[in-house]
Every structure is written in C-alpha cells, then in structure tokens.
Amino acid sequence: MEAGIKTALLVADVQRDFCEGGSLAVPGGDAAAAAISDLIQASHGAYALVVATRDWHVDPGPHFAAPGQQPDYWESWPAHCVADSPGAEWHPDLLLPDDVLVVSKGQRAAAYSGFEGRCDDGRSLAELLQSADVDAVDVVGIATSFCVKATALDAVRAGLQTRVLAPLTADIDAARTPATLEALRRRGVTIAG
C-alpha cells in the first residue's frame, strides 16, 4: 500500500458453499479463507476499509439450475448461498474485523461483482468506497475467474487503483486462472503474488 493512498480490502464471497464441502465447492477455498484472515491480522488496520461481499440468493431465477437439470457451471449453477442458510455463512476460518462492511448481492438475479450489491442500509459498494475517500482496492476471495474478476474489473471502471492478490484467491478451474489473471492485467489490474 502506497503512502497517502487510501486502500480498501475487498473480500469476495468467502462463504461455506464456495469452500470444500459446500454445494459449489471451489478447490482451495479453505486455504484462501485462512490466508485472508492472516492478511487482515497482519495488516493491523492499514486498510481504510474491509468490505466483505457475499452471495445472498433469495430467488435468483435461472442462475440456479432447475431441479433435475445439469448446471453448465458458466451461467447456471447448483443452488448455493441461499439467504440465511448455513451455506451462505462466512467460512469459519475467515476472521473478519468487527467493523467489516458487508455487501450482499444476487438476491433475485445472478450477480458476480461486489459492485452489484448493497449494504443493509442500501448503500452500494461504490458509495461505501467514495464516502471513505478510497483511492485503491485489493481484491481477494472466491472465485478468481468469476466474482474476483468481475469485482476487480468494476473497480477499474470506477477509477480505482486495483490489485488482485492472486495467492489469496481460489478458482473453480485452476487451469483457467492464468488466462483470467492475464485478462485482468490487460484491463489495468495489478496482479500481486
């Protein structure tokens, strides 16, 4: 983090359903949760804000594969992160600070970017960052080629210096990760790690 730059940490979707044993398990989700907790503890408040985004599905329509239908794992998915269900809870190894801001997304439609969500008070992620005069974001979480990527691209579009901390992410298909990170680089995202 550069001196004089206010940076926020954006933690994307580190929820039980996206980690080993969940309904849409991502290999390495458990390890990402623990590593993100280590970063938060080691940063000792260096981040201006810590924002955790979460899938919070009420009725997401075709985002969930219909009963008996095979999901394509690109546009349709197994049911996951249903609002107020155990699978929507934070991973138990994710130790978020007491002042974390939570942004929920995907209630009634697919939503990959944290910038599509809102806090309980109705503010969007962009509004949260603007109100704190944030200049830059570090993005971590699950899954690299989906919610991490979409959040990072929207952060760049919002004019923020954007960095993805690649070792603190997990991807559905690790073979796809290098191409995802290269695509992010081409769009102005710094890849760290």
Foldseek 3Di string as FASTA:
>chain_A
DDPPAAEEEEAEALFQLCDPPHQNDFPCSVVLLQVQQVVVVVCVCSHLAYEYEFEAAAAADQCAPDVVGDAPVPRYGHDALHHPDNRRHHDPNRDDDPRYFYWYDRHHHDDQEQQRTAGPVGHGPLRVCVVSVHQAYEYAYPDLQTNSLRNQLVCVVSRHQYEYAVVSHTHNDVVCNVVSVVVSVVSRYHYHD
